Protein backbone atom coordinates (compact mmCIF):
# COMPACT_ATOMS: atom_id res chain seq x y z
CA MET A 1 -2.62 -65.44 -71.71
CA GLU A 2 -5.55 -67.23 -73.15
CA LYS A 3 -6.47 -69.22 -69.88
CA ILE A 4 -6.18 -65.93 -67.96
CA LEU A 5 -8.24 -64.47 -70.21
CA LYS A 6 -11.14 -67.12 -69.67
CA SER A 7 -10.70 -66.94 -65.49
CA LEU A 8 -11.10 -63.15 -65.92
CA LYS A 9 -14.70 -63.69 -67.72
CA GLU A 10 -15.76 -66.53 -65.52
CA ASN A 11 -15.20 -65.11 -62.16
CA GLY A 12 -16.07 -61.63 -62.81
CA ILE A 13 -12.81 -59.69 -62.07
CA LYS A 14 -13.01 -56.34 -62.58
CA THR A 15 -9.68 -55.12 -61.77
CA VAL A 16 -6.28 -56.50 -62.32
CA ARG A 17 -3.10 -55.28 -60.14
CA PHE A 18 0.16 -55.09 -61.21
CA GLU A 19 2.07 -55.41 -58.31
CA GLN A 20 5.56 -55.30 -57.45
CA SER A 21 7.54 -55.52 -54.60
CA GLN A 22 9.91 -52.78 -53.71
CA THR A 23 13.30 -52.47 -51.58
CA TYR A 24 11.98 -52.47 -48.22
CA GLY A 25 9.12 -55.27 -49.16
CA ILE A 26 6.63 -53.14 -49.65
CA PRO A 27 4.13 -53.60 -52.56
CA HIS A 28 3.03 -51.20 -55.13
CA ASN A 29 1.16 -51.71 -57.66
CA ARG A 30 -1.11 -49.87 -60.49
CA SER A 31 -4.43 -51.78 -60.51
CA ILE A 32 -5.95 -52.01 -64.14
CA PRO A 33 -9.22 -52.41 -65.64
CA VAL A 34 -10.04 -55.91 -66.67
CA LYS A 35 -10.92 -54.79 -70.44
CA HIS A 36 -7.18 -53.05 -70.46
CA PHE A 37 -5.35 -56.35 -69.31
CA GLU A 38 -4.20 -57.91 -72.08
CA HIS A 39 -3.01 -54.91 -74.24
CA MET A 40 -1.03 -53.53 -70.70
CA ALA A 41 0.45 -57.27 -70.09
CA THR A 42 1.78 -57.60 -73.76
CA CYS A 43 2.90 -53.70 -73.55
CA GLY A 44 3.57 -53.19 -70.07
CA VAL A 45 2.74 -50.54 -67.81
CA ASN A 46 4.80 -47.71 -66.84
CA MET A 47 6.20 -48.02 -62.95
CA SER A 48 8.47 -44.92 -61.27
CA LEU A 49 12.02 -46.26 -60.71
CA THR A 50 11.77 -44.33 -58.10
CA TYR A 51 9.45 -46.90 -55.85
CA MET A 52 12.53 -48.98 -55.70
CA ALA A 53 14.07 -45.79 -53.82
CA PHE A 54 10.92 -44.88 -51.40
CA ASP A 55 11.22 -45.32 -47.91
CA PRO A 56 8.22 -46.83 -45.67
CA LYS A 57 6.80 -43.38 -45.46
CA GLY A 58 7.11 -42.76 -49.55
CA VAL A 59 10.32 -40.51 -48.84
CA PRO A 60 12.44 -40.68 -51.97
CA ILE A 61 15.86 -41.60 -50.26
CA GLN A 62 19.33 -39.80 -52.10
CA ASN A 63 22.12 -41.61 -53.62
CA THR A 64 20.15 -44.61 -54.51
CA GLY A 65 20.92 -44.35 -58.40
CA TYR A 66 17.67 -44.40 -59.22
CA GLY A 67 15.67 -41.20 -57.82
CA GLU A 68 17.30 -37.91 -58.81
CA GLU A 69 20.17 -39.74 -60.99
CA VAL A 70 17.61 -40.99 -63.25
CA HIS A 71 15.49 -37.88 -63.21
CA TYR A 72 12.62 -40.12 -61.88
CA ALA A 73 12.02 -41.94 -64.88
CA ASP A 74 9.44 -44.52 -65.68
CA CYS A 75 10.88 -48.08 -66.20
CA LYS A 76 8.36 -50.33 -68.36
CA ALA A 77 7.13 -53.30 -66.34
CA PHE A 78 5.92 -56.69 -67.40
CA PRO A 79 3.77 -59.18 -65.56
CA ASP A 80 5.18 -63.18 -65.10
CA LEU A 81 1.95 -64.31 -66.12
CA ASP A 82 2.72 -67.44 -64.14
CA THR A 83 1.79 -65.38 -60.73
CA PHE A 84 -1.73 -64.55 -61.77
CA GLN A 85 -3.83 -65.09 -58.45
CA ILE A 86 -7.46 -63.93 -58.22
CA LEU A 87 -7.75 -62.24 -54.75
CA PRO A 88 -10.47 -63.34 -52.87
CA TRP A 89 -10.49 -61.19 -49.72
CA CYS A 90 -10.38 -58.01 -52.52
CA SER A 91 -13.60 -57.43 -54.75
CA ASN A 92 -13.53 -58.70 -58.17
CA THR A 93 -10.16 -58.31 -57.83
CA ALA A 94 -6.91 -60.22 -59.37
CA ARG A 95 -3.24 -59.84 -59.28
CA VAL A 96 -0.01 -60.32 -61.58
CA LEU A 97 3.73 -59.61 -60.47
CA ILE A 98 5.78 -57.37 -62.69
CA GLU A 99 9.43 -56.91 -63.23
CA GLY A 100 10.94 -53.71 -64.54
CA GLU A 101 12.86 -52.91 -67.93
CA TYR A 102 15.04 -49.98 -68.40
CA ASN A 103 17.30 -49.46 -71.20
CA GLY A 104 16.27 -52.87 -72.26
CA GLN A 105 17.32 -54.42 -69.52
CA LYS A 106 15.82 -55.77 -66.35
CA VAL A 107 16.15 -53.13 -63.66
CA PRO A 108 19.03 -55.30 -61.33
CA VAL A 109 17.50 -53.68 -58.05
CA TYR A 110 13.91 -55.15 -58.70
CA PRO A 111 14.11 -57.54 -55.38
CA ARG A 112 12.61 -60.20 -57.27
CA VAL A 113 14.76 -60.07 -60.53
CA VAL A 114 17.56 -60.31 -57.67
CA ALA A 115 16.35 -63.59 -56.30
CA LYS A 116 16.10 -65.12 -59.83
CA GLN A 117 19.45 -64.13 -60.68
CA GLN A 118 20.87 -66.60 -57.62
CA LEU A 119 18.26 -69.25 -58.20
CA GLU A 120 20.02 -69.06 -62.02
CA ARG A 121 23.05 -69.70 -60.11
CA LEU A 122 22.30 -72.34 -58.25
CA LYS A 123 20.62 -74.22 -61.51
CA GLU A 124 24.22 -73.78 -62.96
CA LEU A 125 25.45 -76.40 -60.66
CA ASP A 126 22.13 -78.55 -61.03
CA LEU A 127 20.48 -77.55 -57.85
CA SER A 128 17.34 -75.75 -56.65
CA ILE A 129 15.95 -74.89 -53.48
CA TRP A 130 12.64 -75.47 -51.70
CA SER A 131 11.78 -73.46 -48.99
CA ALA A 132 9.52 -70.74 -47.00
CA HIS A 133 9.48 -68.47 -44.54
CA GLU A 134 7.70 -68.84 -41.23
CA HIS A 135 6.40 -65.29 -40.65
CA GLU A 136 5.26 -63.79 -36.80
CA PHE A 137 3.20 -60.60 -36.74
CA TYR A 138 1.42 -58.60 -34.00
CA LEU A 139 -2.28 -57.74 -34.66
CA VAL A 140 -3.88 -55.25 -32.83
CA ASN A 141 -6.94 -52.80 -32.94
CA LYS A 142 -7.18 -50.40 -35.48
CA GLU A 143 -8.37 -47.54 -33.17
CA THR A 144 -6.21 -48.48 -30.10
CA LEU A 145 -3.55 -50.05 -31.18
CA LYS A 146 -3.46 -52.28 -28.50
CA PRO A 147 -3.47 -56.25 -28.79
CA MET A 148 -7.23 -58.23 -28.75
CA ASP A 149 -5.33 -60.53 -26.59
CA SER A 150 -3.01 -59.16 -23.39
CA GLU A 151 -3.35 -62.61 -21.29
CA THR A 152 -1.34 -64.60 -24.71
CA PHE A 153 0.42 -67.50 -23.99
CA CYS A 154 2.38 -69.86 -26.50
CA LEU A 155 0.26 -71.67 -28.46
CA ALA A 156 -2.42 -71.96 -25.62
CA THR A 157 -5.89 -72.82 -27.25
CA VAL A 158 -7.81 -70.74 -25.53
CA CYS A 159 -6.13 -67.68 -27.24
CA SER A 160 -7.15 -68.76 -30.54
CA SER A 161 -11.12 -68.12 -29.76
CA VAL A 162 -9.93 -64.60 -29.59
CA TYR A 163 -8.85 -64.30 -33.13
CA ASP A 164 -11.23 -66.82 -34.12
CA SER A 165 -12.90 -64.61 -37.54
CA PHE A 166 -9.48 -63.47 -39.02
CA PHE A 167 -8.28 -67.01 -38.69
CA GLN A 168 -11.05 -68.77 -40.83
CA GLN A 169 -11.24 -65.93 -43.58
CA VAL A 170 -7.40 -66.36 -43.47
CA ILE A 171 -7.54 -70.07 -43.91
CA THR A 172 -10.56 -70.00 -46.64
CA ASP A 173 -8.98 -67.21 -48.27
CA LEU A 174 -5.41 -67.44 -48.65
CA PRO A 175 -5.46 -71.11 -50.25
CA LYS A 176 -7.21 -69.48 -52.89
CA ALA A 177 -4.65 -67.33 -53.74
CA GLY A 178 -1.75 -70.30 -53.85
CA VAL A 179 -0.79 -69.68 -50.35
CA ASP A 180 -1.12 -73.73 -48.99
CA ILE A 181 -1.60 -72.53 -44.98
CA GLU A 182 -0.11 -75.22 -42.72
CA CYS A 183 -0.40 -74.32 -39.03
CA PHE A 184 -1.80 -71.57 -37.08
CA GLY A 185 -1.74 -70.50 -33.58
CA CYS A 186 -0.87 -67.62 -31.12
CA GLU A 187 3.19 -66.77 -30.22
CA ALA A 188 4.52 -65.41 -27.16
CA GLY A 189 4.03 -61.58 -27.30
CA GLU A 190 1.01 -60.26 -26.43
CA GLY A 191 -1.23 -60.41 -29.70
CA GLN A 192 1.33 -62.36 -31.69
CA LEU A 193 0.63 -64.64 -34.52
CA GLU A 194 2.54 -67.13 -36.35
CA ILE A 195 0.99 -68.63 -39.63
CA THR A 196 3.35 -71.30 -41.85
CA TYR A 197 2.42 -72.69 -45.10
CA ARG A 198 3.84 -75.40 -47.32
CA PRO A 199 7.01 -74.64 -49.09
CA GLU A 200 7.45 -74.22 -53.02
CA PHE A 201 10.58 -74.68 -55.39
CA GLY A 202 12.38 -71.43 -56.80
CA ILE A 203 11.04 -68.02 -56.97
CA LYS A 204 7.45 -69.21 -56.56
CA ALA A 205 8.26 -69.59 -52.53
CA ALA A 206 9.30 -65.87 -52.24
CA ASP A 207 6.16 -64.63 -54.87
CA THR A 208 4.04 -66.83 -52.04
CA ALA A 209 5.14 -64.65 -49.05
CA HIS A 210 4.87 -61.61 -50.73
CA THR A 211 0.81 -62.93 -51.34
CA PHE A 212 1.16 -64.06 -47.70
CA LYS A 213 2.11 -60.72 -45.91
CA LEU A 214 -0.18 -58.60 -48.15
CA GLY A 215 -3.12 -61.05 -47.56
CA ILE A 216 -3.10 -61.26 -43.68
CA LYS A 217 -2.66 -57.47 -43.79
CA GLU A 218 -5.40 -56.70 -46.02
CA ILE A 219 -7.70 -59.09 -44.32
CA ALA A 220 -6.86 -57.91 -40.59
CA LEU A 221 -8.11 -54.34 -41.45
CA GLN A 222 -11.63 -56.00 -42.53
CA HIS A 223 -11.69 -57.21 -39.35
CA GLY A 224 -10.15 -54.04 -37.26
CA TYR A 225 -7.16 -55.05 -36.86
CA ILE A 226 -3.80 -53.76 -38.12
CA ALA A 227 -1.53 -56.52 -38.80
CA SER A 228 2.38 -55.54 -38.29
CA PHE A 229 5.39 -57.60 -39.40
CA MET A 230 7.54 -54.97 -37.58
CA SER A 231 9.97 -57.14 -35.90
CA LYS A 232 9.95 -55.66 -32.57
CA PRO A 233 7.21 -52.79 -32.05
CA TRP A 234 7.53 -53.28 -28.15
CA PRO A 235 10.56 -53.17 -26.55
CA ASP A 236 9.18 -55.40 -23.89
CA GLN A 237 8.01 -57.98 -26.26
CA TYR A 238 9.18 -60.85 -28.02
CA GLY A 239 10.38 -60.17 -31.67
CA SER A 240 8.78 -61.23 -34.68
CA SER A 241 10.84 -63.53 -36.62
CA ALA A 242 10.88 -64.91 -40.77
CA HIS A 243 12.95 -67.77 -40.33
CA TYR A 244 13.87 -69.17 -43.69
CA CYS A 245 13.50 -72.85 -43.86
CA HIS A 246 15.19 -74.41 -47.07
CA SER A 247 16.73 -77.65 -48.53
CA LEU A 248 18.56 -78.40 -51.75
CA TRP A 249 17.06 -81.03 -54.60
CA ASP A 250 18.58 -81.56 -57.89
CA ALA A 251 17.52 -78.75 -61.04
CA ASP A 252 14.42 -81.20 -61.34
CA GLY A 253 13.55 -80.74 -57.71
CA LYS A 254 13.47 -85.08 -57.66
CA ILE A 255 16.23 -85.86 -55.74
CA PRO A 256 17.06 -84.47 -52.19
CA LYS A 257 20.55 -83.27 -51.82
CA LEU A 258 20.73 -82.50 -47.87
CA TYR A 259 20.61 -85.55 -46.11
CA ASP A 260 23.26 -87.97 -45.87
CA ALA A 261 22.54 -90.82 -42.99
CA SER A 262 26.29 -92.00 -43.11
CA SER A 263 27.57 -88.32 -41.67
CA PRO A 264 27.79 -87.53 -38.23
CA THR A 265 25.92 -84.33 -39.05
CA GLY A 266 23.49 -86.03 -41.32
CA LEU A 267 24.45 -83.56 -43.31
CA SER A 268 25.40 -84.46 -47.22
CA GLU A 269 28.93 -83.47 -48.37
CA ILE A 270 27.11 -80.25 -50.17
CA GLY A 271 25.03 -79.63 -46.80
CA GLN A 272 28.02 -79.02 -45.26
CA TYR A 273 29.49 -76.34 -47.67
CA TRP A 274 26.00 -75.00 -47.57
CA VAL A 275 26.02 -74.38 -43.92
CA ALA A 276 29.80 -73.31 -44.26
CA GLY A 277 29.06 -70.89 -46.42
CA LEU A 278 26.08 -69.94 -44.65
CA ILE A 279 28.43 -69.44 -41.35
CA GLU A 280 31.15 -67.49 -43.29
CA HIS A 281 28.80 -64.72 -44.75
CA ALA A 282 26.25 -64.42 -41.98
CA ARG A 283 27.50 -61.28 -40.45
CA ALA A 284 27.26 -59.56 -43.97
CA ILE A 285 23.80 -60.82 -44.95
CA THR A 286 22.66 -60.43 -41.27
CA VAL A 287 21.48 -56.49 -42.87
CA PHE A 288 19.05 -58.77 -45.67
CA MET A 289 17.64 -60.97 -43.24
CA ALA A 290 17.16 -58.28 -40.73
CA PRO A 291 16.90 -54.96 -42.79
CA THR A 292 15.69 -52.34 -40.33
CA THR A 293 17.00 -50.80 -37.38
CA ASN A 294 14.28 -52.32 -35.85
CA CYS A 295 14.72 -55.65 -36.46
CA LEU A 296 18.22 -55.78 -35.57
CA LYS A 297 17.11 -55.27 -31.73
CA ARG A 298 15.58 -58.58 -32.01
CA LEU A 299 19.14 -60.31 -31.85
CA ARG A 300 20.03 -60.31 -28.47
CA ARG A 301 21.69 -63.03 -26.17
CA ASN A 302 18.47 -65.34 -24.33
CA SER A 303 16.24 -63.79 -27.07
CA MET A 304 14.62 -67.36 -28.68
CA ALA A 305 17.09 -65.02 -31.67
CA PRO A 306 20.54 -65.45 -32.66
CA TRP A 307 22.93 -63.53 -31.48
CA ASN A 308 25.83 -65.26 -32.23
CA VAL A 309 27.40 -66.62 -35.93
CA THR A 310 26.28 -70.46 -34.71
CA TRP A 311 24.91 -73.49 -36.41
CA GLY A 312 24.07 -76.67 -34.25
CA PRO A 313 21.41 -79.58 -35.28
CA ASP A 314 17.79 -78.95 -33.69
CA ASN A 315 19.45 -75.83 -31.85
CA ARG A 316 16.99 -73.11 -31.57
CA THR A 317 19.66 -70.94 -29.87
CA CYS A 318 21.65 -70.76 -32.70
CA ALA A 319 21.73 -68.67 -36.06
CA ILE A 320 21.58 -71.79 -38.83
CA ARG A 321 19.59 -74.56 -37.12
CA VAL A 322 19.74 -77.97 -39.29
CA LYS A 323 16.48 -80.41 -39.02
CA GLU A 324 17.17 -83.86 -39.47
CA GLN A 325 14.35 -85.66 -40.71
CA GLY A 326 15.46 -88.24 -43.59
CA GLU A 327 16.69 -88.30 -46.73
CA LYS A 328 13.29 -85.80 -48.18
CA GLY A 329 12.69 -84.22 -44.89
CA THR A 330 16.00 -82.55 -43.65
CA TYR A 331 16.23 -78.72 -44.10
CA ILE A 332 17.93 -75.72 -42.62
CA GLU A 333 16.46 -72.95 -41.02
CA ASN A 334 18.34 -69.23 -41.17
CA ARG A 335 17.06 -68.21 -37.80
CA ILE A 336 18.56 -64.51 -38.49
CA GLY A 337 15.83 -63.75 -40.70
CA ALA A 338 13.02 -60.73 -38.95
CA SER A 339 9.40 -60.46 -39.90
CA ALA A 340 10.46 -57.09 -41.71
CA CYS A 341 12.36 -58.57 -44.44
CA ASN A 342 11.50 -58.51 -48.07
CA PRO A 343 11.47 -62.48 -48.90
CA TYR A 344 13.36 -61.87 -51.91
CA VAL A 345 16.20 -60.15 -50.60
CA SER A 346 16.58 -62.99 -47.85
CA MET A 347 16.23 -65.92 -50.36
CA ALA A 348 18.73 -64.25 -52.73
CA ALA A 349 21.04 -63.64 -49.72
CA THR A 350 20.97 -67.17 -48.37
CA ILE A 351 21.11 -68.49 -51.84
CA ALA A 352 24.35 -66.34 -52.23
CA ALA A 353 26.17 -66.96 -48.96
CA GLY A 354 25.25 -70.99 -49.10
CA LEU A 355 26.49 -71.31 -53.00
CA ASP A 356 29.80 -69.56 -52.13
CA GLY A 357 29.80 -72.57 -49.35
CA ILE A 358 29.92 -74.96 -52.32
CA ILE A 359 31.78 -73.55 -54.58
CA LYS A 360 34.87 -73.09 -52.23
CA LYS A 361 34.12 -76.33 -50.66
CA LEU A 362 34.27 -74.30 -46.90
CA PRO A 363 35.04 -76.56 -43.96
CA LEU A 364 31.89 -77.20 -41.66
CA PRO A 365 32.90 -75.38 -38.76
CA GLU A 366 32.42 -76.54 -35.28
CA GLY A 367 28.60 -76.83 -34.22
CA ILE A 368 26.49 -76.62 -30.78
CA ASP A 369 24.56 -79.81 -30.61
CA GLY A 370 21.09 -79.82 -28.95
CA GLU A 371 22.08 -80.15 -25.83
CA GLY A 372 24.23 -77.41 -25.93
CA ASP A 373 23.15 -73.38 -25.68
CA ALA A 374 24.77 -70.61 -28.12
CA TYR A 375 23.98 -67.79 -25.76
CA ASN A 376 25.86 -69.69 -22.93
CA ASP A 377 29.53 -68.71 -23.71
CA GLU A 378 31.12 -72.00 -22.07
CA HIS A 379 29.47 -73.88 -25.63
CA VAL A 380 30.42 -71.50 -27.86
CA PRO A 381 33.55 -72.53 -30.55
CA GLU A 382 36.26 -70.27 -29.85
CA GLY A 383 36.66 -67.31 -32.43
CA THR A 384 32.70 -67.14 -32.66
CA GLN A 385 31.61 -63.81 -34.19
CA LYS A 386 28.53 -61.74 -32.73
CA LEU A 387 26.27 -61.38 -35.37
CA PRO A 388 25.82 -57.27 -35.51
CA GLU A 389 23.80 -55.20 -33.23
CA THR A 390 23.36 -52.10 -34.76
CA MET A 391 22.75 -50.70 -38.54
CA GLU A 392 26.26 -49.09 -38.72
CA GLU A 393 27.79 -52.29 -38.00
CA ALA A 394 25.38 -54.36 -40.64
CA VAL A 395 25.87 -52.15 -43.14
CA GLU A 396 30.13 -52.25 -42.48
CA ALA A 397 29.85 -55.98 -42.40
CA LEU A 398 28.22 -56.30 -45.58
CA LEU A 399 30.78 -53.79 -47.53
CA GLU A 400 33.64 -56.00 -46.13
CA ASP A 401 32.06 -58.85 -48.14
CA LYS A 402 33.28 -58.93 -51.62
CA VAL A 403 31.53 -62.18 -52.26
CA ILE A 404 27.64 -61.10 -51.45
CA ILE A 405 28.20 -58.04 -53.02
CA GLU A 406 29.55 -59.56 -56.68
CA ALA A 407 26.86 -62.02 -56.34
CA LEU A 408 24.00 -59.29 -55.48
CA GLY A 409 25.25 -56.71 -57.82
CA PRO A 410 26.33 -53.14 -57.30
CA GLU A 411 23.46 -51.30 -58.70
CA PHE A 412 21.44 -53.01 -56.20
CA ILE A 413 24.30 -52.86 -53.25
CA LYS A 414 24.34 -49.39 -53.82
CA CYS A 415 20.57 -48.95 -53.69
CA PHE A 416 19.72 -51.48 -50.40
CA VAL A 417 23.15 -49.16 -48.78
CA ALA A 418 21.66 -45.84 -49.47
CA ALA A 419 18.61 -46.42 -47.92
CA LYS A 420 20.38 -48.22 -44.70
CA ARG A 421 21.96 -45.45 -44.27
CA HIS A 422 18.68 -42.99 -44.46
CA ASP A 423 17.37 -45.23 -41.70
CA ILE A 424 20.99 -44.39 -39.93
CA LYS A 425 19.98 -40.90 -40.48
CA LEU A 426 16.36 -40.92 -39.20
CA GLU A 427 17.14 -43.14 -36.20
CA LYS A 428 20.00 -40.58 -34.80
CA GLU A 429 17.89 -37.95 -34.91
CA ALA A 430 15.00 -40.00 -33.35
CA ILE A 431 17.45 -40.59 -30.58
CA ALA A 432 18.90 -36.93 -30.26
CA LYS A 433 15.15 -36.10 -29.49
CA GLY A 434 14.50 -39.26 -27.21
CA GLN A 435 11.99 -40.47 -29.50
CA CYS A 436 13.65 -43.86 -31.26
CA GLY A 437 10.65 -46.17 -29.88
CA GLU A 438 8.21 -43.53 -31.14
CA TRP A 439 9.94 -43.27 -34.17
CA GLU A 440 10.19 -46.43 -35.29
CA ARG A 441 7.05 -47.45 -34.68
CA LYS A 442 5.45 -44.72 -36.91
CA TYR A 443 7.82 -45.17 -40.01
CA LEU A 444 7.28 -49.32 -40.05
CA PHE A 445 4.47 -50.22 -38.30
CA TYR A 446 1.81 -49.78 -40.30
CA MET A 447 3.45 -50.23 -43.41
CA MET A 448 5.89 -53.55 -42.85
């Protein structure tokens, strides 16, 4: 607290956001004048529990357990002071991330709380996770909603000049807020960009993803753009992903645990169990990795996104890609993740699935080597399941998986599933009117 108060004074900060991520990954906050920061940080700030039950348009969702059931009550939210960051793209503004408490307990549907619970389970096995999300997003003119560049070619150098002033502010400001930008450039879609950053251990990785997404959106608005992490805003363009790249280490983050040079797969015994767990529960966790009706439209054959439950060494056609790069560099890429995912939930679901593989010592199924093609049925192991294609199918796959439900907790599952059923209802209404694409863009494009 003393360090924060000193920083607030030295940097002329006037406002501190008490910020949280809700079910859809949309940030909510109360902005506090700096003179009240210490009191609010100590005594907590009132936040409506219903934020956890809002859809992207701010409409309360029924049957979540956090709306009418609790009479739209407040929880008392307290900051994690380790998350304090000054936001250089905002005027005299800093931020702390908060978690709610209700009836003397942490609110179990807070995505950050759910992720921390899985990290604690990992720690009990003397393990930690080093991870980062790889986000793609679309950048369009705020007024016309058209891409700034309609001739984009993936990673073509000339495309970067179109977005130069935006890129320059991103690589200047985001590192000051704790996001260590590593690489940036244009992707395959018109107006589609990708910016990556260094991994972090534990919950800080998801906090960084939260900061990154909001920072990108706010900086974009300052340049006259809208940045959207909606996964597939246009059916004829590439979908935007958020691959979850991660590796396992000992609890202190000193000893890597994934690699074994003597193994044919390059994976240690623990690494093989972990991947087996991801494969075992891939269908169930798809709804967390690709959590909107629009996200699921990205998971198609020949789409540069996975469409079946496969794994392979350095194989981008698979759902789970193992990148062997020696003892400290080997990592696993969960490619199911869509850009609209909530990074806390994506992290929690991946850990829950991998942990089950370790706990049960699940055998690693047959993979697809680097020369194989998961889009080609001839290369796919017999009996391989497809990933869910619709939200109904994705919810059903989750509800059939008792391991994942127990790991993430019944209250979180109830709230999350209620939100997905809400989306299913809205999608069906839009389809009946012949307006599905238009509805999705109005529902998701700006807020995601």
